[in-house]
Amino acid sequence: MKKVLVAGAGGFIGGHLVSSLIKKKYKVVCVDKKPLKDWFQIFKKSKNFSLDLNSYSNCLKITKKIDYVFNLACNMGGMGFIENNKAACMTSVLINTNLLKASKKNKIKKFLFTSSACVYNAAKQKNTSNPGLKEEDAYPAQPEDGYGWEKLFSERMCRHFQEDYSLNVRVVRLHNVYGTHGTYAGGREKAPAAICRKIAEAKLKNKNVIDVWGDGKQTRSFMFIDDCIKGIFKIFFSNYHNPINLGSSERVSINQMINTIEKIASYKVKKKYLLDKPKGVRGRSSDNKLIKKITKWEPSTKLNTGLDYTYKWIFKELSKNMSNFKFIK
C-alpha cells in the first residue's frame, strides 16, 4: 500500500483529494499550516499534522517513508486576495522548493505540483472571447504579478529537479476550481463561491442588490471540484512530465454565471458593478487539446450542475446560524 503526503490538506482542494485517496485505500499523511480546527475537512483515517512547510526541516520530517507527494500548499485566494497580498503569495515558493529538496533526499517516487492558470501571459488574455489558453501560452513570461510569478517559478523548479536529479514530477495548471467544502466568505473566496454566497445572503435577508466586481463581462472557465480531483489522478498516473491544463473549456461571463445562480436560487437580484475592484484579466479559459491527448479525458461537469451543488451547500451553511447571521459585503 502506497503512502501519500498531501501538503495543503486543510484547504478546499486538499480536503477533497484526501477524501478520494482514503477511498482508494492509500495511507494518507496530511499537513497544513493552519491549526487542525481550521481545516475544511479532516479525516480519522489519515494522519494529520499542523506544520509550516516553509521550513526545510519540517519538509524533511514529513516526507520520510513517503511514496507520493501531492503539493497543494500555498498562500492564495480569489482575485481580491492575490492582488493585495503579492509578497505573501510569493513566499510560497519556499514551500515547493523545500518540499522538492526533501523529496529528493528522501527518495520520493513521484511528486505533483499544483500550478495555476495565473501563469499565463497577460497579453494573451485581453479579449473576453479568448479561445482557450494553450500550455505554450505561458511564454514569453508575463504572469499575474505575485501569485502568478510564484507558480511559474515553482513550475521551473519542478522541471529542473527532474532534469538534474531525476525526480519524477507532474505539474497541473488549475483553472478556477469551485465546489462544496471551501471558502465562500472572508476575502479569499473565488467568484463562483462569492456570487453563490451573495445571492444566498440576499435571499435570506430579503435584499435585491448584490455587488459585482468589474462590469460582469469578463470571462472565465470554472471547473467543478469532482472533475479537478479526477483530473489530478489521471495526470499523476500518466507518463507526462510537463505542465498541463486542468480546467473546463466551458467559457462564460460573470454576468452569465450570475444568471445561472439566480435560476438555481429562484431569486432575482440587481447588479451593482464596482469598477474599482480587482478584476484580473479580461478573458481566460482552458484549451484542453493536450489533456485529451494524454489522458483521453477532460473535465465534463456542466457549470449549471456544479453551481447547483455549490449554491445549495453555501445556502445551507449560511442558514445554520441565522441567529448570528451578518450580511457580508
C-alpha atoms as a PDB file:
ATOM      1  CA  MET A   1       0.000   0.000   0.000  1.00  0.00           C
ATOM      2  CA  LYS A   2       1.456   3.350  -1.084  1.00  0.00           C
ATOM      3  CA  LYS A   3       1.952   6.078   1.490  1.00  0.00           C
ATOM      4  CA  VAL A   4       0.892   9.521   0.244  1.00  0.00           C
ATOM      5  CA  LEU A   5       1.578  13.018   1.577  1.00  0.00           C
ATOM      6  CA  VAL A   6      -0.928  15.769   0.839  1.00  0.00           C
ATOM      7  CA  ALA A   7       0.535  19.220   1.518  1.00  0.00           C
ATOM      8  CA  GLY A   8      -2.198  21.819   1.917  1.00  0.00           C
ATOM      9  CA  ALA A   9      -4.611  19.126   3.100  1.00  0.00           C
ATOM     10  CA  GLY A  10      -6.575  21.616   5.198  1.00  0.00           C
ATOM     11  CA  GLY A  11      -7.584  23.598   2.138  1.00  0.00           C
ATOM     12  CA  PHE A  12     -10.531  23.278  -0.242  1.00  0.00           C
ATOM     13  CA  ILE A  13      -8.952  21.071  -2.928  1.00  0.00           C
ATOM     14  CA  GLY A  14      -6.724  19.314  -0.404  1.00  0.00           C
ATOM     15  CA  GLY A  15      -9.673  18.114   1.653  1.00  0.00           C
ATOM     16  CA  HIS A  16     -11.401  16.621  -1.372  1.00  0.00           C
ATOM     17  CA  LEU A  17      -8.157  14.998  -2.539  1.00  0.00           C
ATOM     18  CA  VAL A  18      -7.581  13.380   0.858  1.00  0.00           C
ATOM     19  CA  SER A  19     -11.151  12.036   0.859  1.00  0.00           C
ATOM     20  CA  SER A  20     -10.591  10.432  -2.547  1.00  0.00           C
ATOM     21  CA  LEU A  21      -7.204   8.971  -1.591  1.00  0.00           C
ATOM     22  CA  ILE A  22      -8.688   7.357   1.519  1.00  0.00           C
ATOM     23  CA  LYS A  23     -11.468   5.822  -0.577  1.00  0.00           C
ATOM     24  CA  LYS A  24      -8.779   4.438  -2.893  1.00  0.00           C
ATOM     25  CA  LYS A  25      -7.155   2.735   0.136  1.00  0.00           C
ATOM     26  CA  TYR A  26      -3.950   4.793   0.267  1.00  0.00           C
ATOM     27  CA  LYS A  27      -2.217   5.505   3.541  1.00  0.00           C
ATOM     28  CA  VAL A  28      -2.536   9.285   3.748  1.00  0.00           C
ATOM     29  CA  VAL A  29      -0.444  11.782   5.689  1.00  0.00           C
ATOM     30  CA  CYS A  30      -1.977  15.271   5.784  1.00  0.00           C
ATOM     31  CA  VAL A  31      -0.162  18.503   6.540  1.00  0.00           C
ATOM     32  CA  ASP A  32      -1.250  22.137   6.564  1.00  0.00           C
ATOM     33  CA  LYS A  33      -0.013  25.289   8.278  1.00  0.00           C
ATOM     34  CA  LYS A  34      -3.473  26.075   9.649  1.00  0.00           C
ATOM     35  CA  PRO A  35      -4.498  24.690  13.052  1.00  0.00           C
ATOM     36  CA  LEU A  36      -6.457  21.447  12.664  1.00  0.00           C
ATOM     37  CA  LYS A  37      -9.654  23.153  13.836  1.00  0.00           C
ATOM     38  CA  ASP A  38      -9.499  25.439  10.778  1.00  0.00           C
ATOM     39  CA  TRP A  39      -9.212  22.690   8.157  1.00  0.00           C
ATOM     40  CA  PHE A  40     -12.178  22.448   5.781  1.00  0.00           C
ATOM     41  CA  GLN A  41     -12.267  18.670   6.071  1.00  0.00           C
ATOM     42  CA  ILE A  42     -10.435  16.328   8.430  1.00  0.00           C
ATOM     43  CA  PHE A  43     -10.475  12.537   8.455  1.00  0.00           C
ATOM     44  CA  LYS A  44      -9.835   9.995  11.201  1.00  0.00           C
ATOM     45  CA  LYS A  45      -8.330   7.545   8.702  1.00  0.00           C
ATOM     46  CA  SER A  46      -5.458   9.914   7.846  1.00  0.00           C
ATOM     47  CA  LYS A  47      -2.555  11.152   9.961  1.00  0.00           C
ATOM     48  CA  ASN A  48      -2.990  14.918  10.344  1.00  0.00           C
ATOM     49  CA  PHE A  49      -0.301  17.465  11.185  1.00  0.00           C
ATOM     50  CA  SER A  50      -0.242  21.231  11.554  1.00  0.00           C
ATOM     51  CA  LEU A  51       3.223  22.201  10.264  1.00  0.00           C
ATOM     52  CA  ASP A  52       4.772  25.149   8.427  1.00  0.00           C
ATOM     53  CA  LEU A  53       6.279  23.785   5.202  1.00  0.00           C
ATOM     54  CA  ASN A  54       8.225  26.989   4.610  1.00  0.00           C
ATOM     55  CA  SER A  55      10.712  25.197   6.897  1.00  0.00           C
ATOM     56  CA  TYR A  56      13.078  22.711   5.233  1.00  0.00           C
ATOM     57  CA  SER A  57      13.404  20.707   8.459  1.00  0.00           C
ATOM     58  CA  ASN A  58       9.625  20.266   8.584  1.00  0.00           C
ATOM     59  CA  CYS A  59       9.610  19.160   4.937  1.00  0.00           C
ATOM     60  CA  LEU A  60      12.340  16.613   5.662  1.00  0.00           C
ATOM     61  CA  LYS A  61      10.409  15.285   8.644  1.00  0.00           C
ATOM     62  CA  ILE A  62       7.038  14.958   6.907  1.00  0.00           C
ATOM     63  CA  THR A  63       8.364  13.300   3.707  1.00  0.00           C
ATOM     64  CA  LYS A  64      10.162  10.416   5.452  1.00  0.00           C
ATOM     65  CA  LYS A  65       8.929   6.995   4.252  1.00  0.00           C
ATOM     66  CA  ILE A  66       6.516   8.678   1.813  1.00  0.00           C
ATOM     67  CA  ASP A  67       5.985   7.296  -1.706  1.00  0.00           C
ATOM     68  CA  TYR A  68       3.988  10.079  -3.378  1.00  0.00           C
ATOM     69  CA  VAL A  69       3.790  13.823  -2.673  1.00  0.00           C
ATOM     70  CA  PHE A  70       0.853  15.986  -3.765  1.00  0.00           C
ATOM     71  CA  ASN A  71       1.851  19.615  -3.156  1.00  0.00           C
ATOM     72  CA  LEU A  72      -1.212  21.855  -2.985  1.00  0.00           C
ATOM     73  CA  ALA A  73       0.172  24.091  -0.240  1.00  0.00           C
ATOM     74  CA  CYS A  74       0.389  27.825  -0.951  1.00  0.00           C
ATOM     75  CA  ASN A  75      -0.857  31.201   0.226  1.00  0.00           C
ATOM     76  CA  MET A  76      -3.683  32.078  -2.137  1.00  0.00           C
ATOM     77  CA  GLY A  77      -7.285  33.126  -2.608  1.00  0.00           C
ATOM     78  CA  GLY A  78      -9.515  34.896  -5.086  1.00  0.00           C
ATOM     79  CA  MET A  79      -8.560  37.936  -7.138  1.00  0.00           C
ATOM     80  CA  GLY A  80      -9.146  40.325  -4.248  1.00  0.00           C
ATOM     81  CA  PHE A  81      -6.632  38.449  -2.104  1.00  0.00           C
ATOM     82  CA  ILE A  82      -3.862  37.790  -4.634  1.00  0.00           C
ATOM     83  CA  GLU A  83      -3.853  41.352  -5.972  1.00  0.00           C
ATOM     84  CA  ASN A  84      -3.454  42.777  -2.467  1.00  0.00           C
ATOM     85  CA  ASN A  85      -1.060  40.199  -0.993  1.00  0.00           C
ATOM     86  CA  LYS A  86       1.652  39.762  -3.618  1.00  0.00           C
ATOM     87  CA  ALA A  87       4.551  39.318  -1.177  1.00  0.00           C
ATOM     88  CA  ALA A  88       2.641  36.753   0.879  1.00  0.00           C
ATOM     89  CA  CYS A  89       1.821  34.808  -2.280  1.00  0.00           C
ATOM     90  CA  MET A  90       5.431  34.936  -3.494  1.00  0.00           C
ATOM     91  CA  THR A  91       6.813  33.407  -0.294  1.00  0.00           C
ATOM     92  CA  SER A  92       5.007  30.151  -1.138  1.00  0.00           C
ATOM     93  CA  VAL A  93       7.974  29.465  -3.385  1.00  0.00           C
ATOM     94  CA  LEU A  94       9.751  28.311  -0.215  1.00  0.00           C
ATOM     95  CA  ILE A  95       7.188  25.553   0.305  1.00  0.00           C
ATOM     96  CA  ASN A  96       7.636  23.986  -3.111  1.00  0.00           C
ATOM     97  CA  THR A  97      11.421  24.447  -3.094  1.00  0.00           C
ATOM     98  CA  ASN A  98      11.855  22.840   0.311  1.00  0.00           C
ATOM     99  CA  LEU A  99       9.437  20.021  -0.495  1.00  0.00           C
ATOM    100  CA  LEU A 100      11.368  19.294  -3.694  1.00  0.00           C
ATOM    101  CA  LYS A 101      14.675  19.262  -1.804  1.00  0.00           C
ATOM    102  CA  ALA A 102      13.233  16.987   0.882  1.00  0.00           C
ATOM    103  CA  SER A 103      11.646  14.720  -1.733  1.00  0.00           C
ATOM    104  CA  LYS A 104      14.993  14.325  -3.474  1.00  0.00           C
ATOM    105  CA  LYS A 105      16.756  13.474  -0.212  1.00  0.00           C
ATOM    106  CA  ASN A 106      14.037  11.056   0.945  1.00  0.00           C
ATOM    107  CA  LYS A 107      13.789   9.407  -2.491  1.00  0.00           C
ATOM    108  CA  ILE A 108      10.128  10.179  -3.197  1.00  0.00           C
ATOM    109  CA  LYS A 109       8.814   8.106  -6.108  1.00  0.00           C
ATOM    110  CA  LYS A 110       6.558  10.776  -7.603  1.00  0.00           C
ATOM    111  CA  PHE A 111       5.849  14.475  -6.914  1.00  0.00           C
ATOM    112  CA  LEU A 112       2.861  16.529  -8.113  1.00  0.00           C
ATOM    113  CA  PHE A 113       2.751  20.327  -8.000  1.00  0.00           C
ATOM    114  CA  THR A 114      -0.497  22.250  -8.445  1.00  0.00           C
ATOM    115  CA  SER A 115       0.197  25.337 -10.523  1.00  0.00           C
ATOM    116  CA  SER A 116      -2.367  27.827 -11.812  1.00  0.00           C
ATOM    117  CA  ALA A 117      -3.765  29.448 -14.931  1.00  0.00           C
ATOM    118  CA  CYS A 118      -2.381  32.665 -13.410  1.00  0.00           C
ATOM    119  CA  VAL A 119       0.973  31.730 -15.001  1.00  0.00           C
ATOM    120  CA  TYR A 120      -0.317  32.648 -18.457  1.00  0.00           C
ATOM    121  CA  ASN A 121       0.874  35.697 -20.363  1.00  0.00           C
ATOM    122  CA  ALA A 122      -1.499  38.566 -19.549  1.00  0.00           C
ATOM    123  CA  ALA A 123      -1.133  39.998 -23.050  1.00  0.00           C
ATOM    124  CA  LYS A 124      -2.923  36.899 -24.375  1.00  0.00           C
ATOM    125  CA  GLN A 125      -5.919  37.431 -22.073  1.00  0.00           C
ATOM    126  CA  LYS A 126      -7.192  40.873 -23.065  1.00  0.00           C
ATOM    127  CA  ASN A 127     -10.200  39.652 -25.039  1.00  0.00           C
ATOM    128  CA  THR A 128     -13.394  38.271 -23.485  1.00  0.00           C
ATOM    129  CA  SER A 129     -13.686  35.839 -26.405  1.00  0.00           C
ATOM    130  CA  ASN A 130     -10.363  34.167 -25.543  1.00  0.00           C
ATOM    131  CA  PRO A 131     -10.486  30.822 -27.421  1.00  0.00           C
ATOM    132  CA  GLY A 132      -8.586  28.962 -24.700  1.00  0.00           C
ATOM    133  CA  LEU A 133      -5.039  29.134 -23.402  1.00  0.00           C
ATOM    134  CA  LYS A 134      -2.598  26.516 -24.651  1.00  0.00           C
ATOM    135  CA  GLU A 135       0.245  25.348 -22.417  1.00  0.00           C
ATOM    136  CA  GLU A 136       2.816  27.183 -24.542  1.00  0.00           C
ATOM    137  CA  ASP A 137       0.981  30.487 -23.935  1.00  0.00           C
ATOM    138  CA  ALA A 138       2.809  30.864 -20.602  1.00  0.00           C
ATOM    139  CA  TYR A 139       5.790  32.180 -22.578  1.00  0.00           C
ATOM    140  CA  PRO A 140       7.138  34.755 -23.139  1.00  0.00           C
ATOM    141  CA  ALA A 141       6.572  35.152 -19.403  1.00  0.00           C
ATOM    142  CA  GLN A 142       4.111  37.825 -18.242  1.00  0.00           C
ATOM    143  CA  PRO A 143       2.090  36.089 -15.500  1.00  0.00           C
ATOM    144  CA  GLU A 144      -0.093  37.777 -12.904  1.00  0.00           C
ATOM    145  CA  ASP A 145       2.120  39.702 -10.513  1.00  0.00           C
ATOM    146  CA  GLY A 146       2.990  37.945  -7.273  1.00  0.00           C
ATOM    147  CA  TYR A 147       0.951  34.734  -7.283  1.00  0.00           C
ATOM    148  CA  GLY A 148       1.434  34.015 -10.993  1.00  0.00           C
ATOM    149  CA  TRP A 149       5.190  34.550 -10.838  1.00  0.00           C
ATOM    150  CA  GLU A 150       5.490  32.227  -7.829  1.00  0.00           C
ATOM    151  CA  LYS A 151       3.622  29.474  -9.659  1.00  0.00           C
ATOM    152  CA  LEU A 152       5.673  29.889 -12.831  1.00  0.00           C
ATOM    153  CA  PHE A 153       8.959  29.855 -10.901  1.00  0.00           C
ATOM    154  CA  SER A 154       7.858  26.748  -8.997  1.00  0.00           C
ATOM    155  CA  GLU A 155       6.998  25.028 -12.278  1.00  0.00           C
ATOM    156  CA  ARG A 156      10.585  25.665 -13.383  1.00  0.00           C
ATOM    157  CA  MET A 157      11.897  24.268 -10.108  1.00  0.00           C
ATOM    158  CA  CYS A 158       9.961  21.055 -10.728  1.00  0.00           C
ATOM    159  CA  ARG A 159      11.348  20.844 -14.241  1.00  0.00           C
ATOM    160  CA  HIS A 160      14.951  21.275 -13.127  1.00  0.00           C
ATOM    161  CA  PHE A 161      14.644  18.821 -10.240  1.00  0.00           C
ATOM    162  CA  GLN A 162      13.508  16.287 -12.808  1.00  0.00           C
ATOM    163  CA  GLU A 163      16.282  17.169 -15.249  1.00  0.00           C
ATOM    164  CA  ASP A 164      19.103  17.365 -12.695  1.00  0.00           C
ATOM    165  CA  TYR A 165      18.040  14.788 -10.092  1.00  0.00           C
ATOM    166  CA  SER A 166      15.586  12.510 -11.970  1.00  0.00           C
ATOM    167  CA  LEU A 167      12.761  13.358  -9.563  1.00  0.00           C
ATOM    168  CA  ASN A 168       9.557  12.091 -11.171  1.00  0.00           C
ATOM    169  CA  VAL A 169       7.347  15.224 -11.322  1.00  0.00           C
ATOM    170  CA  ARG A 170       3.893  16.207 -12.555  1.00  0.00           C
ATOM    171  CA  VAL A 171       2.652  19.811 -12.917  1.00  0.00           C
ATOM    172  CA  VAL A 172      -1.048  20.652 -13.276  1.00  0.00           C
ATOM    173  CA  ARG A 173      -2.271  24.157 -14.141  1.00  0.00           C
ATOM    174  CA  LEU A 174      -5.616  24.523 -12.383  1.00  0.00           C
ATOM    175  CA  HIS A 175      -8.307  26.782 -13.828  1.00  0.00           C
ATOM    176  CA  ASN A 176     -10.766  28.272 -11.299  1.00  0.00           C
ATOM    177  CA  VAL A 177     -11.846  25.329  -9.163  1.00  0.00           C
ATOM    178  CA  TYR A 178     -15.146  25.609  -7.252  1.00  0.00           C
ATOM    179  CA  GLY A 179     -17.470  23.393  -5.231  1.00  0.00           C
ATOM    180  CA  THR A 180     -18.538  22.428  -1.714  1.00  0.00           C
ATOM    181  CA  HIS A 181     -16.459  22.466   1.498  1.00  0.00           C
ATOM    182  CA  GLY A 182     -14.434  25.536   0.557  1.00  0.00           C
ATOM    183  CA  THR A 183     -14.057  29.259   1.181  1.00  0.00           C
ATOM    184  CA  TYR A 184     -17.137  31.345   0.403  1.00  0.00           C
ATOM    185  CA  ALA A 185     -16.524  34.433   2.587  1.00  0.00           C
ATOM    186  CA  GLY A 186     -13.781  36.369   4.297  1.00  0.00           C
ATOM    187  CA  GLY A 187     -11.785  37.710   1.352  1.00  0.00           C
ATOM    188  CA  ARG A 188     -10.121  34.587  -0.065  1.00  0.00           C
ATOM    189  CA  GLU A 189     -13.162  33.184  -1.894  1.00  0.00           C
ATOM    190  CA  LYS A 190     -13.257  32.944  -5.685  1.00  0.00           C
ATOM    191  CA  ALA A 191     -16.003  34.206  -7.970  1.00  0.00           C
ATOM    192  CA  PRO A 192     -18.392  31.191  -8.037  1.00  0.00           C
ATOM    193  CA  ALA A 193     -18.459  30.844  -4.236  1.00  0.00           C
ATOM    194  CA  ALA A 194     -18.608  34.618  -3.725  1.00  0.00           C
ATOM    195  CA  ILE A 195     -21.585  35.048  -6.029  1.00  0.00           C
ATOM    196  CA  CYS A 196     -23.384  31.998  -4.616  1.00  0.00           C
ATOM    197  CA  ARG A 197     -22.909  33.480  -1.157  1.00  0.00           C
ATOM    198  CA  LYS A 198     -24.071  36.969  -2.173  1.00  0.00           C
ATOM    199  CA  ILE A 199     -27.263  35.666  -3.789  1.00  0.00           C
ATOM    200  CA  ALA A 200     -27.900  33.302  -0.863  1.00  0.00           C
ATOM    201  CA  GLU A 201     -27.450  36.201   1.567  1.00  0.00           C
ATOM    202  CA  ALA A 202     -29.732  38.402  -0.485  1.00  0.00           C
ATOM    203  CA  LYS A 203     -32.424  35.730  -0.428  1.00  0.00           C
ATOM    204  CA  LEU A 204     -32.045  35.074   3.298  1.00  0.00           C
ATOM    205  CA  LYS A 205     -32.099  38.788   4.162  1.00  0.00           C
ATOM    206  CA  ASN A 206     -34.702  39.744   1.557  1.00  0.00           C
ATOM    207  CA  LYS A 207     -32.290  42.044  -0.289  1.00  0.00           C
ATOM    208  CA  ASN A 208     -32.404  42.622  -4.037  1.00  0.00           C
ATOM    209  CA  VAL A 209     -28.934  44.043  -4.887  1.00  0.00           C
ATOM    210  CA  ILE A 210     -25.507  42.375  -4.967  1.00  0.00           C
ATOM    211  CA  ASP A 211     -22.068  43.864  -5.604  1.00  0.00           C
ATOM    212  CA  VAL A 212     -20.232  42.640  -8.712  1.00  0.00           C
ATOM    213  CA  TRP A 213     -16.531  43.311  -9.207  1.00  0.00           C
ATOM    214  CA  GLY A 214     -15.949  44.788 -12.661  1.00  0.00           C
ATOM    215  CA  ASP A 215     -18.557  45.125 -15.393  1.00  0.00           C
ATOM    216  CA  GLY A 216     -19.548  41.461 -15.347  1.00  0.00           C
ATOM    217  CA  LYS A 217     -18.417  40.936 -18.926  1.00  0.00           C
ATOM    218  CA  GLN A 218     -15.050  39.381 -18.041  1.00  0.00           C
ATOM    219  CA  THR A 219     -14.939  35.690 -18.968  1.00  0.00           C
ATOM    220  CA  ARG A 220     -13.559  32.579 -17.286  1.00  0.00           C
ATOM    221  CA  SER A 221     -13.944  28.819 -17.285  1.00  0.00           C
ATOM    222  CA  PHE A 222     -14.828  27.184 -13.965  1.00  0.00           C
ATOM    223  CA  MET A 223     -14.054  23.569 -13.021  1.00  0.00           C
ATOM    224  CA  PHE A 224     -16.133  21.614 -10.507  1.00  0.00           C
ATOM    225  CA  ILE A 225     -14.123  20.013  -7.709  1.00  0.00           C
ATOM    226  CA  ASP A 226     -15.037  16.411  -8.676  1.00  0.00           C
ATOM    227  CA  ASP A 227     -13.515  16.944 -12.129  1.00  0.00           C
ATOM    228  CA  CYS A 228     -10.465  18.537 -10.540  1.00  0.00           C
ATOM    229  CA  ILE A 229      -9.756  15.507  -8.339  1.00  0.00           C
ATOM    230  CA  LYS A 230     -10.363  13.050 -11.174  1.00  0.00           C
ATOM    231  CA  GLY A 231      -8.044  15.057 -13.434  1.00  0.00           C
ATOM    232  CA  ILE A 232      -5.287  15.193 -10.824  1.00  0.00           C
ATOM    233  CA  PHE A 233      -5.246  11.393 -10.652  1.00  0.00           C
ATOM    234  CA  LYS A 234      -5.318  10.994 -14.430  1.00  0.00           C
ATOM    235  CA  ILE A 235      -2.350  13.342 -14.857  1.00  0.00           C
ATOM    236  CA  PHE A 236      -0.486  11.911 -11.861  1.00  0.00           C
ATOM    237  CA  PHE A 237      -0.615   8.382 -13.268  1.00  0.00           C
ATOM    238  CA  SER A 238       0.184   9.427 -16.835  1.00  0.00           C
ATOM    239  CA  ASN A 239       3.715   9.490 -18.205  1.00  0.00           C
ATOM    240  CA  TYR A 240       3.591  13.222 -18.956  1.00  0.00           C
ATOM    241  CA  HIS A 241       6.012  15.465 -17.053  1.00  0.00           C
ATOM    242  CA  ASN A 242       5.486  18.981 -18.439  1.00  0.00           C
ATOM    243  CA  PRO A 243       2.852  21.496 -17.234  1.00  0.00           C
ATOM    244  CA  ILE A 244      -0.653  20.639 -18.406  1.00  0.00           C
ATOM    245  CA  ASN A 245      -4.002  22.427 -18.201  1.00  0.00           C
ATOM    246  CA  LEU A 246      -6.626  21.054 -15.851  1.00  0.00           C
ATOM    247  CA  GLY A 247      -9.769  23.105 -16.322  1.00  0.00           C
ATOM    248  CA  SER A 248     -13.123  23.338 -18.020  1.00  0.00           C
ATOM    249  CA  SER A 249     -13.317  24.644 -21.570  1.00  0.00           C
ATOM    250  CA  GLU A 250     -16.851  25.995 -20.942  1.00  0.00           C
ATOM    251  CA  ARG A 251     -16.219  29.758 -21.100  1.00  0.00           C
ATOM    252  CA  VAL A 252     -18.813  32.065 -19.511  1.00  0.00           C
ATOM    253  CA  SER A 253     -19.026  35.694 -18.452  1.00  0.00           C
ATOM    254  CA  ILE A 254     -19.527  36.666 -14.824  1.00  0.00           C
ATOM    255  CA  ASN A 255     -22.950  38.013 -15.781  1.00  0.00           C
ATOM    256  CA  GLN A 256     -23.881  34.651 -17.308  1.00  0.00           C
ATOM    257  CA  MET A 257     -22.771  32.874 -14.136  1.00  0.00           C
ATOM    258  CA  ILE A 258     -24.914  35.239 -12.017  1.00  0.00           C
ATOM    259  CA  ASN A 259     -27.922  34.467 -14.213  1.00  0.00           C
ATOM    260  CA  THR A 260     -27.332  30.734 -13.744  1.00  0.00           C
ATOM    261  CA  ILE A 261     -27.144  31.066  -9.955  1.00  0.00           C
ATOM    262  CA  GLU A 262     -30.296  33.214  -9.921  1.00  0.00           C
ATOM    263  CA  LYS A 263     -32.172  30.374 -11.642  1.00  0.00           C
ATOM    264  CA  ILE A 264     -30.788  27.813  -9.171  1.00  0.00           C
ATOM    265  CA  ALA A 265     -31.782  30.054  -6.239  1.00  0.00           C
ATOM    266  CA  SER A 266     -35.129  31.029  -7.782  1.00  0.00           C
ATOM    267  CA  TYR A 267     -34.225  34.575  -6.773  1.00  0.00           C
ATOM    268  CA  LYS A 268     -33.523  37.613  -8.977  1.00  0.00           C
ATOM    269  CA  VAL A 269     -31.101  40.361  -7.969  1.00  0.00           C
ATOM    270  CA  LYS A 270     -29.923  43.674  -9.341  1.00  0.00           C
ATOM    271  CA  LYS A 271     -26.205  44.042 -10.039  1.00  0.00           C
ATOM    272  CA  LYS A 272     -24.173  46.911  -8.614  1.00  0.00           C
ATOM    273  CA  TYR A 273     -20.977  46.998 -10.675  1.00  0.00           C
ATOM    274  CA  LEU A 274     -17.853  48.050  -8.758  1.00  0.00           C
ATOM    275  CA  LEU A 275     -15.395  49.077 -11.449  1.00  0.00           C
ATOM    276  CA  ASP A 276     -12.627  49.979  -8.984  1.00  0.00           C
ATOM    277  CA  LYS A 277     -12.356  46.438  -7.564  1.00  0.00           C
ATOM    278  CA  PRO A 278      -9.733  43.868  -8.693  1.00  0.00           C
ATOM    279  CA  LYS A 279     -10.921  42.243 -11.913  1.00  0.00           C
ATOM    280  CA  GLY A 280      -7.966  40.193 -13.180  1.00  0.00           C
ATOM    281  CA  VAL A 281      -7.515  39.519 -16.889  1.00  0.00           C
ATOM    282  CA  ARG A 282     -10.322  40.224 -19.349  1.00  0.00           C
ATOM    283  CA  GLY A 283     -10.783  36.713 -20.702  1.00  0.00           C
ATOM    284  CA  ARG A 284      -9.447  33.258 -19.767  1.00  0.00           C
ATOM    285  CA  SER A 285     -10.410  29.663 -20.453  1.00  0.00           C
ATOM    286  CA  SER A 286      -8.664  26.328 -20.792  1.00  0.00           C
ATOM    287  CA  ASP A 287      -7.554  24.778 -24.080  1.00  0.00           C
ATOM    288  CA  ASN A 288      -7.916  21.043 -23.415  1.00  0.00           C
ATOM    289  CA  LYS A 289      -6.336  19.534 -26.511  1.00  0.00           C
ATOM    290  CA  LEU A 290      -3.267  18.337 -24.606  1.00  0.00           C
ATOM    291  CA  ILE A 291      -5.068  16.746 -21.645  1.00  0.00           C
ATOM    292  CA  LYS A 292      -7.416  14.943 -24.035  1.00  0.00           C
ATOM    293  CA  LYS A 293      -4.421  13.640 -25.984  1.00  0.00           C
ATOM    294  CA  ILE A 294      -2.532  12.497 -22.863  1.00  0.00           C
ATOM    295  CA  THR A 295      -5.389  11.122 -20.722  1.00  0.00           C
ATOM    296  CA  LYS A 296      -8.270  10.613 -23.215  1.00  0.00           C
ATOM    297  CA  TRP A 297     -10.360  12.720 -20.802  1.00  0.00           C
ATOM    298  CA  GLU A 298     -11.258  16.311 -19.926  1.00  0.00           C
ATOM    299  CA  PRO A 299     -13.433  17.976 -17.247  1.00  0.00           C
ATOM    300  CA  SER A 300     -17.059  17.469 -18.241  1.00  0.00           C
ATOM    301  CA  THR A 301     -19.313  18.728 -15.412  1.00  0.00           C
ATOM    302  CA  LYS A 302     -21.505  21.500 -16.803  1.00  0.00           C
ATOM    303  CA  LEU A 303     -21.387  24.786 -14.901  1.00  0.00           C
ATOM    304  CA  ASN A 304     -25.090  24.759 -14.031  1.00  0.00           C
ATOM    305  CA  THR A 305     -24.715  21.283 -12.498  1.00  0.00           C
ATOM    306  CA  GLY A 306     -21.686  22.183 -10.383  1.00  0.00           C
ATOM    307  CA  LEU A 307     -23.182  25.501  -9.304  1.00  0.00           C
ATOM    308  CA  ASP A 308     -26.365  23.750  -8.208  1.00  0.00           C
ATOM    309  CA  TYR A 309     -24.370  21.645  -5.701  1.00  0.00           C
ATOM    310  CA  THR A 310     -22.276  24.644  -4.642  1.00  0.00           C
ATOM    311  CA  TYR A 311     -25.117  27.125  -4.139  1.00  0.00           C
ATOM    312  CA  LYS A 312     -27.226  24.669  -2.137  1.00  0.00           C
ATOM    313  CA  TRP A 313     -24.277  23.826   0.123  1.00  0.00           C
ATOM    314  CA  ILE A 314     -23.469  27.513   0.759  1.00  0.00           C
ATOM    315  CA  PHE A 315     -27.133  28.359   1.340  1.00  0.00           C
ATOM    316  CA  LYS A 316     -27.336  25.539   3.894  1.00  0.00           C
ATOM    317  CA  GLU A 317     -24.151  26.715   5.630  1.00  0.00           C
ATOM    318  CA  LEU A 318     -25.429  30.293   5.858  1.00  0.00           C
ATOM    319  CA  SER A 319     -28.812  29.117   7.112  1.00  0.00           C
ATOM    320  CA  LYS A 320     -27.319  27.146  10.025  1.00  0.00           C
ATOM    321  CA  ASN A 321     -26.643  30.182  12.200  1.00  0.00           C
ATOM    322  CA  MET A 322     -29.338  32.666  11.264  1.00  0.00           C
ATOM    323  CA  SER A 323     -29.342  33.978  14.833  1.00  0.00           C
ATOM    324  CA  ASN A 324     -25.752  35.146  14.307  1.00  0.00           C
ATOM    325  CA  PHE A 325     -26.210  35.986  10.633  1.00  0.00           C
ATOM    326  CA  LYS A 326     -24.394  39.055   9.342  1.00  0.00           C
ATOM    327  CA  PHE A 327     -24.608  40.419   5.834  1.00  0.00           C
ATOM    328  CA  ILE A 328     -21.118  40.050   4.314  1.00  0.00           C
ATOM    329  CA  LYS A 329     -20.191  42.518   1.607  1.00  0.00           C
END
